Amino acid sequence: NLGELAVRTRSSFKTWANLLSEHAQSEAVVGELDHWLSIAETDRIPVDFNGANTEESAQTVTVTLTAEETQALLQDVPAVYRTRINDALLTALAQAFNANSLLIDLEGHGREFVENVDVTRTVGWFTTIFPVVLDCGKTQSPADALPLVKEQLRAIPKRGIGYGLLRYSSGDARAAEMLRNLPQAEVRFNYLGQVDRVLLDSSMFSVTSQPAGPAQSPNTRRVYLINIIAAVSAGQLRLEWTFSKRIHHEETITRLAQTFVEELRNLIGESRTSDTISYSPSDFPSAQLSQEELNRVLAKLRG
């Protein structure tokens, strides 16, 4: 049995890929199709120009939090709101764009499929990319918006890996066609994590501040209007917003990125003044309560 062998021996990338290919045609993955087909058209990203969105035209705006703010984001906010850092980052992103709903592509490391497979000795970024609609409703406060985004992210099956399987590997041409016809995101977001923690035990390597140079031909067409990469390095959250100078003014993207940081700071500030832990339905999945029902239960318990 290939799966049992993978567990006993630690898996090669080839073994992992073969198991993933089998999984792509399973009932569990096919059952996710309705979730992905529910992705609806959302507000489009306003543009300043209608030029060619090529790699040659790409520019990057960088914003950061202080080390103290980053520590609060990693520790204080999750403690109060029972969230992961991506919940907070994507809440701030949705509010920065000030849209009724925002369609993004969310990128992950791609190792979510872990049943009967051990790829701990395989180096690299496997990658998943899948669409997410962020809807904060009519909320004004980041603390009110955060539970909504948190619940939307928790509703994603298996952290999104099924989308790519259905579209590219399931062998179901009809499902693949329906997914291709869905609205396409104009923003991609990728949180890399605390990248320097990987190197703490090694004296041989460190993260360089020098540019790596172009990874693609300057004539390549960019897929997204805005590509955002976030990471914690040297104790600080750093976000790079890459855009096309033929599509947006630098001032437009700078204003968006700074608004994003301010929304994070507002969320950090609210977490520091809260005297209670905030819960949402996904914290009690077996109860199957709405947020309103859960609030009533918690109010009675707190008396």
C-alpha atoms as a PDB file:
ATOM      1  CA  ASN A   1       0.000   0.000   0.000  1.00  0.00           C
ATOM      2  CA  LEU A   2       1.534   3.276  -1.153  1.00  0.00           C
ATOM      3  CA  GLY A   3       0.076   5.278   1.731  1.00  0.00           C
ATOM      4  CA  GLU A   4       1.355   2.898   4.403  1.00  0.00           C
ATOM      5  CA  LEU A   5       4.778   2.797   2.761  1.00  0.00           C
ATOM      6  CA  ALA A   6       4.890   6.619   2.771  1.00  0.00           C
ATOM      7  CA  VAL A   7       4.297   6.738   6.528  1.00  0.00           C
ATOM      8  CA  ARG A   8       6.976   4.152   7.275  1.00  0.00           C
ATOM      9  CA  THR A   9       9.692   5.601   5.073  1.00  0.00           C
ATOM     10  CA  ARG A  10       9.050   9.352   4.903  1.00  0.00           C
ATOM     11  CA  SER A  11       7.785  10.413   1.549  1.00  0.00           C
ATOM     12  CA  SER A  12       9.514  11.680  -1.540  1.00  0.00           C
ATOM     13  CA  PHE A  13       7.908  14.499  -3.463  1.00  0.00           C
ATOM     14  CA  LYS A  14       6.986  11.935  -6.146  1.00  0.00           C
ATOM     15  CA  THR A  15       5.172   9.768  -3.594  1.00  0.00           C
ATOM     16  CA  TRP A  16       3.344  12.793  -2.247  1.00  0.00           C
ATOM     17  CA  ALA A  17       2.340  13.816  -5.778  1.00  0.00           C
ATOM     18  CA  ASN A  18       1.034  10.333  -6.576  1.00  0.00           C
ATOM     19  CA  LEU A  19      -1.043  10.238  -3.388  1.00  0.00           C
ATOM     20  CA  LEU A  20      -2.356  13.722  -4.095  1.00  0.00           C
ATOM     21  CA  SER A  21      -3.362  12.651  -7.602  1.00  0.00           C
ATOM     22  CA  GLU A  22      -5.359   9.762  -6.120  1.00  0.00           C
ATOM     23  CA  HIS A  23      -6.925  12.074  -3.551  1.00  0.00           C
ATOM     24  CA  ALA A  24      -7.973  14.522  -6.307  1.00  0.00           C
ATOM     25  CA  GLN A  25     -10.504  11.982  -7.576  1.00  0.00           C
ATOM     26  CA  SER A  26     -11.911  11.079  -4.170  1.00  0.00           C
ATOM     27  CA  GLU A  27     -15.468  11.759  -3.025  1.00  0.00           C
ATOM     28  CA  ALA A  28     -14.126  14.143  -0.370  1.00  0.00           C
ATOM     29  CA  VAL A  29     -12.663  16.470  -3.001  1.00  0.00           C
ATOM     30  CA  VAL A  30     -15.624  16.160  -5.384  1.00  0.00           C
ATOM     31  CA  GLY A  31     -17.872  17.098  -2.463  1.00  0.00           C
ATOM     32  CA  GLU A  32     -16.118  20.484  -2.218  1.00  0.00           C
ATOM     33  CA  LEU A  33     -17.296  21.640  -5.648  1.00  0.00           C
ATOM     34  CA  ASP A  34     -20.401  23.451  -4.380  1.00  0.00           C
ATOM     35  CA  HIS A  35     -18.278  25.479  -1.978  1.00  0.00           C
ATOM     36  CA  TRP A  36     -15.989  26.728  -4.751  1.00  0.00           C
ATOM     37  CA  LEU A  37     -18.853  27.393  -7.138  1.00  0.00           C
ATOM     38  CA  SER A  38     -20.365  29.729  -4.549  1.00  0.00           C
ATOM     39  CA  ILE A  39     -17.591  32.256  -5.282  1.00  0.00           C
ATOM     40  CA  ALA A  40     -19.459  35.272  -6.630  1.00  0.00           C
ATOM     41  CA  GLU A  41     -18.561  38.440  -8.502  1.00  0.00           C
ATOM     42  CA  THR A  42     -17.359  41.198  -6.164  1.00  0.00           C
ATOM     43  CA  ASP A  43     -16.286  44.810  -6.473  1.00  0.00           C
ATOM     44  CA  ARG A  44     -13.442  45.298  -8.949  1.00  0.00           C
ATOM     45  CA  ILE A  45     -10.238  47.052  -7.948  1.00  0.00           C
ATOM     46  CA  PRO A  46     -10.214  50.700  -9.148  1.00  0.00           C
ATOM     47  CA  VAL A  47      -7.338  51.500 -11.530  1.00  0.00           C
ATOM     48  CA  ASP A  48      -5.547  54.718 -12.424  1.00  0.00           C
ATOM     49  CA  PHE A  49      -4.448  53.726 -15.953  1.00  0.00           C
ATOM     50  CA  ASN A  50      -5.256  51.055 -18.533  1.00  0.00           C
ATOM     51  CA  GLY A  51      -1.721  50.095 -19.496  1.00  0.00           C
ATOM     52  CA  ALA A  52      -0.001  46.738 -19.966  1.00  0.00           C
ATOM     53  CA  ASN A  53       0.361  44.783 -16.728  1.00  0.00           C
ATOM     54  CA  THR A  54       3.821  43.310 -17.376  1.00  0.00           C
ATOM     55  CA  GLU A  55       6.699  42.294 -15.125  1.00  0.00           C
ATOM     56  CA  GLU A  56       8.765  45.119 -16.588  1.00  0.00           C
ATOM     57  CA  SER A  57       6.261  47.641 -15.193  1.00  0.00           C
ATOM     58  CA  ALA A  58       6.169  46.136 -11.690  1.00  0.00           C
ATOM     59  CA  GLN A  59       7.030  48.231  -8.649  1.00  0.00           C
ATOM     60  CA  THR A  60       6.904  47.413  -4.943  1.00  0.00           C
ATOM     61  CA  VAL A  61       5.798  49.446  -1.934  1.00  0.00           C
ATOM     62  CA  THR A  62       6.932  48.141   1.456  1.00  0.00           C
ATOM     63  CA  VAL A  63       5.331  48.821   4.848  1.00  0.00           C
ATOM     64  CA  THR A  64       6.201  47.432   8.277  1.00  0.00           C
ATOM     65  CA  LEU A  65       5.008  47.171  11.857  1.00  0.00           C
ATOM     66  CA  THR A  66       7.358  47.809  14.741  1.00  0.00           C
ATOM     67  CA  ALA A  67       8.717  44.843  16.702  1.00  0.00           C
ATOM     68  CA  GLU A  68       6.368  45.689  19.596  1.00  0.00           C
ATOM     69  CA  GLU A  69       3.347  45.886  17.286  1.00  0.00           C
ATOM     70  CA  THR A  70       4.335  42.630  15.598  1.00  0.00           C
ATOM     71  CA  GLN A  71       4.597  40.845  18.933  1.00  0.00           C
ATOM     72  CA  ALA A  72       1.149  42.123  19.883  1.00  0.00           C
ATOM     73  CA  LEU A  73      -0.250  40.931  16.550  1.00  0.00           C
ATOM     74  CA  LEU A  74       1.244  37.477  17.067  1.00  0.00           C
ATOM     75  CA  GLN A  75       0.322  37.125  20.754  1.00  0.00           C
ATOM     76  CA  ASP A  76      -2.240  39.629  22.057  1.00  0.00           C
ATOM     77  CA  VAL A  77      -4.718  39.567  19.170  1.00  0.00           C
ATOM     78  CA  PRO A  78      -4.955  35.731  18.986  1.00  0.00           C
ATOM     79  CA  ALA A  79      -5.342  35.518  22.769  1.00  0.00           C
ATOM     80  CA  VAL A  80      -8.330  37.882  22.803  1.00  0.00           C
ATOM     81  CA  TYR A  81     -10.049  36.852  19.562  1.00  0.00           C
ATOM     82  CA  ARG A  82      -8.958  33.193  19.314  1.00  0.00           C
ATOM     83  CA  THR A  83      -7.613  33.806  15.843  1.00  0.00           C
ATOM     84  CA  ARG A  84      -4.629  33.040  13.652  1.00  0.00           C
ATOM     85  CA  ILE A  85      -2.503  35.813  12.212  1.00  0.00           C
ATOM     86  CA  ASN A  86      -4.011  35.356   8.742  1.00  0.00           C
ATOM     87  CA  ASP A  87      -7.444  36.216  10.195  1.00  0.00           C
ATOM     88  CA  ALA A  88      -6.151  39.585  11.351  1.00  0.00           C
ATOM     89  CA  LEU A  89      -4.136  40.280   8.201  1.00  0.00           C
ATOM     90  CA  LEU A  90      -7.052  39.544   5.886  1.00  0.00           C
ATOM     91  CA  THR A  91      -9.472  41.558   8.012  1.00  0.00           C
ATOM     92  CA  ALA A  92      -7.174  44.550   7.688  1.00  0.00           C
ATOM     93  CA  LEU A  93      -6.862  43.898   3.954  1.00  0.00           C
ATOM     94  CA  ALA A  94     -10.627  43.855   3.413  1.00  0.00           C
ATOM     95  CA  GLN A  95     -11.071  47.052   5.394  1.00  0.00           C
ATOM     96  CA  ALA A  96      -8.184  48.799   3.633  1.00  0.00           C
ATOM     97  CA  PHE A  97      -9.921  48.303   0.271  1.00  0.00           C
ATOM     98  CA  ASN A  98     -13.183  49.550   1.824  1.00  0.00           C
ATOM     99  CA  ALA A  99     -15.226  47.270  -0.441  1.00  0.00           C
ATOM    100  CA  ASN A 100     -18.501  45.527   0.356  1.00  0.00           C
ATOM    101  CA  SER A 101     -16.709  42.294  -0.475  1.00  0.00           C
ATOM    102  CA  LEU A 102     -13.233  41.588  -1.792  1.00  0.00           C
ATOM    103  CA  LEU A 103     -12.249  38.611  -3.935  1.00  0.00           C
ATOM    104  CA  ILE A 104      -8.639  37.557  -3.435  1.00  0.00           C
ATOM    105  CA  ASP A 105      -6.506  34.575  -4.241  1.00  0.00           C
ATOM    106  CA  LEU A 106      -4.933  33.221  -1.080  1.00  0.00           C
ATOM    107  CA  GLU A 107      -1.621  31.403  -1.401  1.00  0.00           C
ATOM    108  CA  GLY A 108      -0.477  28.737   1.031  1.00  0.00           C
ATOM    109  CA  HIS A 109       2.457  26.371   1.449  1.00  0.00           C
ATOM    110  CA  GLY A 110       0.578  23.437  -0.112  1.00  0.00           C
ATOM    111  CA  ARG A 111       1.314  20.829   2.551  1.00  0.00           C
ATOM    112  CA  GLU A 112      -2.275  20.614   3.820  1.00  0.00           C
ATOM    113  CA  PHE A 113      -2.743  17.129   2.386  1.00  0.00           C
ATOM    114  CA  VAL A 114      -0.938  15.133   5.088  1.00  0.00           C
ATOM    115  CA  GLU A 115      -2.928  11.906   5.483  1.00  0.00           C
ATOM    116  CA  ASN A 116      -0.574   8.906   5.153  1.00  0.00           C
ATOM    117  CA  VAL A 117       2.290  11.095   3.982  1.00  0.00           C
ATOM    118  CA  ASP A 118       5.422  12.488   5.627  1.00  0.00           C
ATOM    119  CA  VAL A 119       7.255  15.135   3.617  1.00  0.00           C
ATOM    120  CA  THR A 120       9.208  16.650   6.500  1.00  0.00           C
ATOM    121  CA  ARG A 121      12.488  15.908   4.716  1.00  0.00           C
ATOM    122  CA  THR A 122      11.331  17.483   1.464  1.00  0.00           C
ATOM    123  CA  VAL A 123      12.474  21.096   1.106  1.00  0.00           C
ATOM    124  CA  GLY A 124      10.402  23.637  -0.754  1.00  0.00           C
ATOM    125  CA  TRP A 125       7.138  25.469  -1.188  1.00  0.00           C
ATOM    126  CA  PHE A 126       4.512  23.113  -2.636  1.00  0.00           C
ATOM    127  CA  THR A 127       1.944  25.925  -3.016  1.00  0.00           C
ATOM    128  CA  THR A 128      -1.816  26.124  -3.034  1.00  0.00           C
ATOM    129  CA  ILE A 129      -3.680  29.068  -4.535  1.00  0.00           C
ATOM    130  CA  PHE A 130      -7.435  29.364  -4.101  1.00  0.00           C
ATOM    131  CA  PRO A 131     -10.117  32.088  -4.193  1.00  0.00           C
ATOM    132  CA  VAL A 132     -11.615  33.639  -1.067  1.00  0.00           C
ATOM    133  CA  VAL A 133     -14.316  36.280  -0.753  1.00  0.00           C
ATOM    134  CA  LEU A 134     -13.767  38.556   2.251  1.00  0.00           C
ATOM    135  CA  ASP A 135     -17.021  40.148   3.383  1.00  0.00           C
ATOM    136  CA  CYS A 136     -17.018  42.411   6.429  1.00  0.00           C
ATOM    137  CA  GLY A 137     -20.637  43.455   5.987  1.00  0.00           C
ATOM    138  CA  LYS A 138     -21.359  46.936   7.294  1.00  0.00           C
ATOM    139  CA  THR A 139     -19.002  46.673  10.258  1.00  0.00           C
ATOM    140  CA  GLN A 140     -16.875  49.695  11.087  1.00  0.00           C
ATOM    141  CA  SER A 141     -14.659  48.353  13.851  1.00  0.00           C
ATOM    142  CA  PRO A 142     -11.813  45.913  13.052  1.00  0.00           C
ATOM    143  CA  ALA A 143     -12.836  43.955  16.161  1.00  0.00           C
ATOM    144  CA  ASP A 144     -16.349  43.511  14.723  1.00  0.00           C
ATOM    145  CA  ALA A 145     -15.036  42.581  11.284  1.00  0.00           C
ATOM    146  CA  LEU A 146     -12.469  40.072  12.552  1.00  0.00           C
ATOM    147  CA  PRO A 147     -14.964  37.340  13.628  1.00  0.00           C
ATOM    148  CA  LEU A 148     -16.702  37.571  10.243  1.00  0.00           C
ATOM    149  CA  VAL A 149     -13.467  37.057   8.327  1.00  0.00           C
ATOM    150  CA  LYS A 150     -12.382  34.356  10.766  1.00  0.00           C
ATOM    151  CA  GLU A 151     -15.584  32.385  10.096  1.00  0.00           C
ATOM    152  CA  GLN A 152     -15.233  32.824   6.330  1.00  0.00           C
ATOM    153  CA  LEU A 153     -11.698  31.409   6.461  1.00  0.00           C
ATOM    154  CA  ARG A 154     -12.721  28.506   8.719  1.00  0.00           C
ATOM    155  CA  ALA A 155     -15.405  27.555   6.189  1.00  0.00           C
ATOM    156  CA  ILE A 156     -12.756  26.825   3.540  1.00  0.00           C
ATOM    157  CA  PRO A 157     -12.435  23.030   3.166  1.00  0.00           C
ATOM    158  CA  LYS A 158      -8.994  21.572   3.949  1.00  0.00           C
ATOM    159  CA  ARG A 159      -7.356  25.008   3.785  1.00  0.00           C
ATOM    160  CA  GLY A 160      -8.109  25.342   0.094  1.00  0.00           C
ATOM    161  CA  ILE A 161      -6.123  22.535  -1.475  1.00  0.00           C
ATOM    162  CA  GLY A 162      -9.232  21.021  -3.088  1.00  0.00           C
ATOM    163  CA  TYR A 163      -9.733  23.980  -5.439  1.00  0.00           C
ATOM    164  CA  GLY A 164      -6.601  23.263  -7.437  1.00  0.00           C
ATOM    165  CA  LEU A 165      -7.261  19.528  -7.350  1.00  0.00           C
ATOM    166  CA  LEU A 166     -10.747  19.994  -8.790  1.00  0.00           C
ATOM    167  CA  ARG A 167      -9.606  22.449 -11.430  1.00  0.00           C
ATOM    168  CA  TYR A 168      -6.455  20.717 -12.611  1.00  0.00           C
ATOM    169  CA  SER A 169      -6.218  17.116 -11.361  1.00  0.00           C
ATOM    170  CA  SER A 170      -9.661  15.612 -10.802  1.00  0.00           C
ATOM    171  CA  GLY A 171     -10.185  14.482 -14.386  1.00  0.00           C
ATOM    172  CA  ASP A 172     -13.667  16.052 -14.266  1.00  0.00           C
ATOM    173  CA  ALA A 173     -13.719  18.319 -17.336  1.00  0.00           C
ATOM    174  CA  ARG A 174     -17.115  19.810 -16.456  1.00  0.00           C
ATOM    175  CA  ALA A 175     -16.014  20.800 -12.939  1.00  0.00           C
ATOM    176  CA  ALA A 176     -12.771  22.257 -14.291  1.00  0.00           C
ATOM    177  CA  GLU A 177     -14.673  24.332 -16.857  1.00  0.00           C
ATOM    178  CA  MET A 178     -17.079  25.689 -14.231  1.00  0.00           C
ATOM    179  CA  LEU A 179     -14.181  26.712 -11.994  1.00  0.00           C
ATOM    180  CA  ARG A 180     -12.378  28.403 -14.896  1.00  0.00           C
ATOM    181  CA  ASN A 181     -15.508  30.466 -15.562  1.00  0.00           C
ATOM    182  CA  LEU A 182     -15.659  31.845 -12.028  1.00  0.00           C
ATOM    183  CA  PRO A 183     -14.712  35.495 -11.376  1.00  0.00           C
ATOM    184  CA  GLN A 184     -10.939  35.871 -11.184  1.00  0.00           C
ATOM    185  CA  ALA A 185      -9.222  37.630  -8.289  1.00  0.00           C
ATOM    186  CA  GLU A 186      -7.204  40.789  -8.930  1.00  0.00           C
ATOM    187  CA  VAL A 187      -5.319  40.587  -5.626  1.00  0.00           C
ATOM    188  CA  ARG A 188      -3.133  37.761  -4.331  1.00  0.00           C
ATOM    189  CA  PHE A 189      -2.092  37.521  -0.683  1.00  0.00           C
ATOM    190  CA  ASN A 190       0.610  35.294   0.775  1.00  0.00           C
ATOM    191  CA  TYR A 191       1.740  35.227   4.410  1.00  0.00           C
ATOM    192  CA  LEU A 192       5.071  33.406   4.589  1.00  0.00           C
ATOM    193  CA  GLY A 193       5.178  33.182   8.373  1.00  0.00           C
ATOM    194  CA  GLN A 194       8.077  33.941  10.712  1.00  0.00           C
ATOM    195  CA  VAL A 195      10.756  33.282   8.134  1.00  0.00           C
ATOM    196  CA  ASP A 196      13.797  33.888  10.314  1.00  0.00           C
ATOM    197  CA  ARG A 197      12.699  31.276  12.875  1.00  0.00           C
ATOM    198  CA  VAL A 198      13.673  28.561  10.408  1.00  0.00           C
ATOM    199  CA  LEU A 199      17.272  29.731  10.596  1.00  0.00           C
ATOM    200  CA  LEU A 200      17.657  30.175  14.355  1.00  0.00           C
ATOM    201  CA  ASP A 201      19.424  26.826  14.851  1.00  0.00           C
ATOM    202  CA  SER A 202      21.796  27.322  11.935  1.00  0.00           C
ATOM    203  CA  SER A 203      24.946  29.416  11.943  1.00  0.00           C
ATOM    204  CA  MET A 204      25.556  28.783   8.241  1.00  0.00           C
ATOM    205  CA  PHE A 205      22.648  30.747   6.743  1.00  0.00           C
ATOM    206  CA  SER A 206      20.844  34.032   7.253  1.00  0.00           C
ATOM    207  CA  VAL A 207      18.225  36.048   5.370  1.00  0.00           C
ATOM    208  CA  THR A 208      19.830  38.477   2.950  1.00  0.00           C
ATOM    209  CA  SER A 209      18.582  42.003   2.437  1.00  0.00           C
ATOM    210  CA  GLN A 210      19.988  42.073  -1.099  1.00  0.00           C
ATOM    211  CA  PRO A 211      17.572  41.817  -4.049  1.00  0.00           C
ATOM    212  CA  ALA A 212      17.430  38.427  -5.739  1.00  0.00           C
ATOM    213  CA  GLY A 213      16.953  39.868  -9.210  1.00  0.00           C
ATOM    214  CA  PRO A 214      14.151  39.174 -11.685  1.00  0.00           C
ATOM    215  CA  ALA A 215      12.625  35.694 -11.612  1.00  0.00           C
ATOM    216  CA  GLN A 216      10.646  36.158 -14.841  1.00  0.00           C
ATOM    217  CA  SER A 217      11.032  37.756 -18.236  1.00  0.00           C
ATOM    218  CA  PRO A 218      10.158  41.483 -18.172  1.00  0.00           C
ATOM    219  CA  ASN A 219       7.684  40.798 -20.992  1.00  0.00           C
ATOM    220  CA  THR A 220       5.664  38.323 -18.900  1.00  0.00           C
ATOM    221  CA  ARG A 221       2.103  39.397 -18.229  1.00  0.00           C
ATOM    222  CA  ARG A 222       1.340  39.711 -14.518  1.00  0.00           C
ATOM    223  CA  VAL A 223      -1.686  37.716 -13.352  1.00  0.00           C
ATOM    224  CA  TYR A 224      -2.763  40.103 -10.570  1.00  0.00           C
ATOM    225  CA  LEU A 225      -3.130  43.843 -10.260  1.00  0.00           C
ATOM    226  CA  ILE A 226      -1.716  43.723  -6.717  1.00  0.00           C
ATOM    227  CA  ASN A 227       0.429  40.963  -5.229  1.00  0.00           C
ATOM    228  CA  ILE A 228       1.002  41.173  -1.465  1.00  0.00           C
ATOM    229  CA  ILE A 229       3.656  39.158   0.339  1.00  0.00           C
ATOM    230  CA  ALA A 230       3.812  39.339   4.136  1.00  0.00           C
ATOM    231  CA  ALA A 231       6.414  37.867   6.463  1.00  0.00           C
ATOM    232  CA  VAL A 232       7.855  38.358   9.927  1.00  0.00           C
ATOM    233  CA  SER A 233      11.612  38.853   9.798  1.00  0.00           C
ATOM    234  CA  ALA A 234      13.894  40.142  12.542  1.00  0.00           C
ATOM    235  CA  GLY A 235      10.812  40.395  14.749  1.00  0.00           C
ATOM    236  CA  GLN A 236       8.925  42.778  12.440  1.00  0.00           C
ATOM    237  CA  LEU A 237       5.995  42.236  10.114  1.00  0.00           C
ATOM    238  CA  ARG A 238       6.944  43.355   6.626  1.00  0.00           C
ATOM    239  CA  LEU A 239       4.538  43.593   3.694  1.00  0.00           C
ATOM    240  CA  GLU A 240       5.519  44.062   0.069  1.00  0.00           C
ATOM    241  CA  TRP A 241       2.772  45.365  -2.230  1.00  0.00           C
ATOM    242  CA  THR A 242       3.753  44.798  -5.877  1.00  0.00           C
ATOM    243  CA  PHE A 243       1.786  46.558  -8.614  1.00  0.00           C
ATOM    244  CA  SER A 244       2.165  47.838 -12.163  1.00  0.00           C
ATOM    245  CA  LYS A 245       3.128  51.462 -12.679  1.00  0.00           C
ATOM    246  CA  ARG A 246       1.052  51.308 -15.881  1.00  0.00           C
ATOM    247  CA  ILE A 247      -2.059  50.402 -13.877  1.00  0.00           C
ATOM    248  CA  HIS A 248      -1.684  52.336 -10.596  1.00  0.00           C
ATOM    249  CA  HIS A 249       0.056  55.413  -9.275  1.00  0.00           C
ATOM    250  CA  GLU A 250       2.609  54.616  -6.604  1.00  0.00           C
ATOM    251  CA  GLU A 251       0.695  56.997  -4.322  1.00  0.00           C
ATOM    252  CA  THR A 252      -2.470  54.901  -4.727  1.00  0.00           C
ATOM    253  CA  ILE A 253      -0.761  51.708  -3.568  1.00  0.00           C
ATOM    254  CA  THR A 254       1.153  53.508  -0.820  1.00  0.00           C
ATOM    255  CA  ARG A 255      -2.125  54.878   0.543  1.00  0.00           C
ATOM    256  CA  LEU A 256      -3.707  51.403   0.472  1.00  0.00           C
ATOM    257  CA  ALA A 257      -0.716  49.811   2.199  1.00  0.00           C
ATOM    258  CA  GLN A 258      -0.622  52.480   4.896  1.00  0.00           C
ATOM    259  CA  THR A 259      -4.374  52.119   5.492  1.00  0.00           C
ATOM    260  CA  PHE A 260      -3.822  48.382   5.877  1.00  0.00           C
ATOM    261  CA  VAL A 261      -1.186  49.007   8.561  1.00  0.00           C
ATOM    262  CA  GLU A 262      -3.467  51.452  10.364  1.00  0.00           C
ATOM    263  CA  GLU A 263      -6.256  48.868  10.417  1.00  0.00           C
ATOM    264  CA  LEU A 264      -3.849  46.383  11.995  1.00  0.00           C
ATOM    265  CA  ARG A 265      -2.851  48.967  14.597  1.00  0.00           C
ATOM    266  CA  ASN A 266      -6.509  49.636  15.377  1.00  0.00           C
ATOM    267  CA  LEU A 267      -7.057  45.914  15.870  1.00  0.00           C
ATOM    268  CA  ILE A 268      -4.019  45.664  18.148  1.00  0.00           C
ATOM    269  CA  GLY A 269      -5.285  48.634  20.146  1.00  0.00           C
ATOM    270  CA  GLU A 270      -8.733  47.094  20.576  1.00  0.00           C
ATOM    271  CA  SER A 271      -7.227  43.788  21.708  1.00  0.00           C
ATOM    272  CA  ARG A 272      -5.254  45.579  24.411  1.00  0.00           C
ATOM    273  CA  THR A 273      -8.330  47.287  25.834  1.00  0.00           C
ATOM    274  CA  SER A 274     -10.621  44.240  25.734  1.00  0.00           C
ATOM    275  CA  ASP A 275     -11.305  42.597  29.090  1.00  0.00           C
ATOM    276  CA  THR A 276     -13.017  39.479  27.682  1.00  0.00           C
ATOM    277  CA  ILE A 277     -12.141  36.781  25.184  1.00  0.00           C
ATOM    278  CA  SER A 278     -14.131  37.012  21.957  1.00  0.00           C
ATOM    279  CA  TYR A 279     -15.561  33.742  20.643  1.00  0.00           C
ATOM    280  CA  SER A 280     -17.178  32.860  17.319  1.00  0.00           C
ATOM    281  CA  PRO A 281     -19.086  29.769  16.127  1.00  0.00           C
ATOM    282  CA  SER A 282     -16.047  27.930  14.749  1.00  0.00           C
ATOM    283  CA  ASP A 283     -14.620  27.838  18.283  1.00  0.00           C
ATOM    284  CA  PHE A 284     -17.480  25.450  19.153  1.00  0.00           C
ATOM    285  CA  PRO A 285     -18.093  23.489  15.929  1.00  0.00           C
ATOM    286  CA  SER A 286     -20.177  20.766  17.573  1.00  0.00           C
ATOM    287  CA  ALA A 287     -22.656  23.300  18.972  1.00  0.00           C
ATOM    288  CA  GLN A 288     -23.697  24.544  15.496  1.00  0.00           C
ATOM    289  CA  LEU A 289     -24.665  27.968  16.805  1.00  0.00           C
ATOM    290  CA  SER A 290     -24.950  31.254  14.948  1.00  0.00           C
ATOM    291  CA  GLN A 291     -22.962  34.222  16.242  1.00  0.00           C
ATOM    292  CA  GLU A 292     -26.126  35.712  17.764  1.00  0.00           C
ATOM    293  CA  GLU A 293     -27.000  32.473  19.535  1.00  0.00           C
ATOM    294  CA  LEU A 294     -23.453  32.096  20.786  1.00  0.00           C
ATOM    295  CA  ASN A 295     -23.444  35.673  22.101  1.00  0.00           C
ATOM    296  CA  ARG A 296     -26.605  34.976  24.100  1.00  0.00           C
ATOM    297  CA  VAL A 297     -25.127  31.810  25.608  1.00  0.00           C
ATOM    298  CA  LEU A 298     -21.908  33.592  26.548  1.00  0.00           C
ATOM    299  CA  ALA A 299     -23.823  36.503  28.061  1.00  0.00           C
ATOM    300  CA  LYS A 300     -25.713  34.091  30.337  1.00  0.00           C
ATOM    301  CA  LEU A 301     -22.520  32.309  31.373  1.00  0.00           C
ATOM    302  CA  ARG A 302     -20.778  35.595  32.170  1.00  0.00           C
ATOM    303  CA  GLY A 303     -23.852  36.543  34.159  1.00  0.00           C
END
